[in-house]
Amino acid sequence: MSRTDSSTIDHARIAEVISRVVGSFVARGQLRSDEADDVRSTVTLRVLRQFEEGIGDLRSVDDYVARMAINAATDVLRGPVSIP
């Protein structure tokens, strides 16, 4: 494991991983294209922000990015949360 920082980030690879994960939700009919665009944007911003702050040791950047994309897509599927 090695420290991951913003100077070692492959932006194209991050975009590829996010698109692959989000694309699988679209292919299964779980996300509309506008929702997929929102998820891609949200995850990209979150990932870049995390890397800018320094996220420490990672075994796999791809796995980390994929998990963030899955979580964001799942949040959309759950719908808005109302706080009583």
C-alpha atoms as a PDB file:
ATOM      1  CA  MET A   1       0.000   0.000   0.000  1.00  0.00           C
ATOM      2  CA  SER A   2       1.212   3.455  -0.776  1.00  0.00           C
ATOM      3  CA  ARG A   3       0.083   6.945   0.030  1.00  0.00           C
ATOM      4  CA  THR A   4      -2.202   8.361  -2.627  1.00  0.00           C
ATOM      5  CA  ASP A   5      -2.171  12.092  -3.233  1.00  0.00           C
ATOM      6  CA  SER A   6      -3.482  14.474  -5.868  1.00  0.00           C
ATOM      7  CA  SER A   7      -0.200  14.475  -7.812  1.00  0.00           C
ATOM      8  CA  THR A   8      -0.506  10.756  -8.613  1.00  0.00           C
ATOM      9  CA  ILE A   9      -4.139  10.717  -9.730  1.00  0.00           C
ATOM     10  CA  ASP A  10      -4.990   9.546 -13.241  1.00  0.00           C
ATOM     11  CA  HIS A  11      -8.106  11.594 -14.023  1.00  0.00           C
ATOM     12  CA  ALA A  12      -8.905   9.619 -17.161  1.00  0.00           C
ATOM     13  CA  ARG A  13      -8.780   6.363 -15.201  1.00  0.00           C
ATOM     14  CA  ILE A  14     -11.091   7.776 -12.525  1.00  0.00           C
ATOM     15  CA  ALA A  15     -13.576   8.863 -15.195  1.00  0.00           C
ATOM     16  CA  GLU A  16     -13.378   5.421 -16.817  1.00  0.00           C
ATOM     17  CA  VAL A  17     -14.122   3.596 -13.552  1.00  0.00           C
ATOM     18  CA  ILE A  18     -17.010   5.921 -12.716  1.00  0.00           C
ATOM     19  CA  SER A  19     -18.498   5.560 -16.206  1.00  0.00           C
ATOM     20  CA  ARG A  20     -18.221   1.769 -16.087  1.00  0.00           C
ATOM     21  CA  VAL A  21     -19.992   1.542 -12.730  1.00  0.00           C
ATOM     22  CA  VAL A  22     -22.682   4.094 -13.535  1.00  0.00           C
ATOM     23  CA  GLY A  23     -23.146   2.566 -16.984  1.00  0.00           C
ATOM     24  CA  SER A  24     -24.017  -0.762 -15.387  1.00  0.00           C
ATOM     25  CA  PHE A  25     -26.836   0.918 -13.440  1.00  0.00           C
ATOM     26  CA  VAL A  26     -28.100   2.534 -16.657  1.00  0.00           C
ATOM     27  CA  ALA A  27     -27.878  -0.741 -18.597  1.00  0.00           C
ATOM     28  CA  ARG A  28     -30.047  -2.465 -15.976  1.00  0.00           C
ATOM     29  CA  GLY A  29     -32.595   0.350 -16.213  1.00  0.00           C
ATOM     30  CA  GLN A  30     -31.977   1.471 -12.652  1.00  0.00           C
ATOM     31  CA  LEU A  31     -30.814   5.003 -13.508  1.00  0.00           C
ATOM     32  CA  ARG A  32     -31.990   7.412 -16.169  1.00  0.00           C
ATOM     33  CA  SER A  33     -29.334   9.193 -18.196  1.00  0.00           C
ATOM     34  CA  ASP A  34     -29.880  12.488 -16.344  1.00  0.00           C
ATOM     35  CA  GLU A  35     -29.477  10.712 -13.005  1.00  0.00           C
ATOM     36  CA  ALA A  36     -26.342   8.987 -14.310  1.00  0.00           C
ATOM     37  CA  ASP A  37     -24.866  12.357 -15.290  1.00  0.00           C
ATOM     38  CA  ASP A  38     -25.561  13.682 -11.792  1.00  0.00           C
ATOM     39  CA  VAL A  39     -23.932  10.638 -10.192  1.00  0.00           C
ATOM     40  CA  ARG A  40     -20.854  10.956 -12.429  1.00  0.00           C
ATOM     41  CA  SER A  41     -20.452  14.623 -11.514  1.00  0.00           C
ATOM     42  CA  THR A  42     -21.015  14.044  -7.819  1.00  0.00           C
ATOM     43  CA  VAL A  43     -18.573  11.153  -7.602  1.00  0.00           C
ATOM     44  CA  THR A  44     -15.916  12.967  -9.619  1.00  0.00           C
ATOM     45  CA  LEU A  45     -16.079  15.964  -7.295  1.00  0.00           C
ATOM     46  CA  ARG A  46     -16.056  13.781  -4.172  1.00  0.00           C
ATOM     47  CA  VAL A  47     -13.102  11.713  -5.356  1.00  0.00           C
ATOM     48  CA  LEU A  48     -11.032  14.713  -6.376  1.00  0.00           C
ATOM     49  CA  ARG A  49     -11.827  16.470  -3.104  1.00  0.00           C
ATOM     50  CA  GLN A  50     -10.807  13.389  -1.125  1.00  0.00           C
ATOM     51  CA  PHE A  51      -7.538  13.042  -3.031  1.00  0.00           C
ATOM     52  CA  GLU A  52      -6.824  16.740  -2.601  1.00  0.00           C
ATOM     53  CA  GLU A  53      -7.204  16.338   1.166  1.00  0.00           C
ATOM     54  CA  GLY A  54      -5.091  13.184   1.117  1.00  0.00           C
ATOM     55  CA  ILE A  55      -6.816   9.894   1.735  1.00  0.00           C
ATOM     56  CA  GLY A  56      -3.894   7.896   3.018  1.00  0.00           C
ATOM     57  CA  ASP A  57      -3.102   4.348   2.045  1.00  0.00           C
ATOM     58  CA  LEU A  58      -5.213   2.580  -0.554  1.00  0.00           C
ATOM     59  CA  ARG A  59      -4.837  -0.897  -1.924  1.00  0.00           C
ATOM     60  CA  SER A  60      -6.660   0.073  -5.103  1.00  0.00           C
ATOM     61  CA  VAL A  61      -7.737   3.489  -6.327  1.00  0.00           C
ATOM     62  CA  ASP A  62     -10.061   1.766  -8.813  1.00  0.00           C
ATOM     63  CA  ASP A  63     -11.844  -0.108  -6.026  1.00  0.00           C
ATOM     64  CA  TYR A  64     -12.164   3.053  -3.949  1.00  0.00           C
ATOM     65  CA  VAL A  65     -13.616   5.029  -6.857  1.00  0.00           C
ATOM     66  CA  ALA A  66     -15.944   2.177  -7.844  1.00  0.00           C
ATOM     67  CA  ARG A  67     -17.283   1.904  -4.285  1.00  0.00           C
ATOM     68  CA  MET A  68     -17.943   5.655  -4.187  1.00  0.00           C
ATOM     69  CA  ALA A  69     -19.809   5.411  -7.498  1.00  0.00           C
ATOM     70  CA  ILE A  70     -21.886   2.456  -6.300  1.00  0.00           C
ATOM     71  CA  ASN A  71     -22.754   4.286  -3.095  1.00  0.00           C
ATOM     72  CA  ALA A  72     -23.776   7.452  -4.957  1.00  0.00           C
ATOM     73  CA  ALA A  73     -25.916   5.508  -7.445  1.00  0.00           C
ATOM     74  CA  THR A  74     -27.571   3.615  -4.601  1.00  0.00           C
ATOM     75  CA  ASP A  75     -28.331   6.911  -2.860  1.00  0.00           C
ATOM     76  CA  VAL A  76     -30.181   8.050  -6.006  1.00  0.00           C
ATOM     77  CA  LEU A  77     -32.121   4.777  -6.126  1.00  0.00           C
ATOM     78  CA  ARG A  78     -33.234   5.239  -2.522  1.00  0.00           C
ATOM     79  CA  GLY A  79     -34.647   8.652  -3.371  1.00  0.00           C
ATOM     80  CA  PRO A  80     -34.755  11.797  -1.309  1.00  0.00           C
ATOM     81  CA  VAL A  81     -34.505  11.450   2.435  1.00  0.00           C
ATOM     82  CA  SER A  82     -36.989  13.402   4.479  1.00  0.00           C
ATOM     83  CA  ILE A  83     -35.984  14.308   7.994  1.00  0.00           C
ATOM     84  CA  PRO A  84     -38.921  14.361  10.406  1.00  0.00           C
END
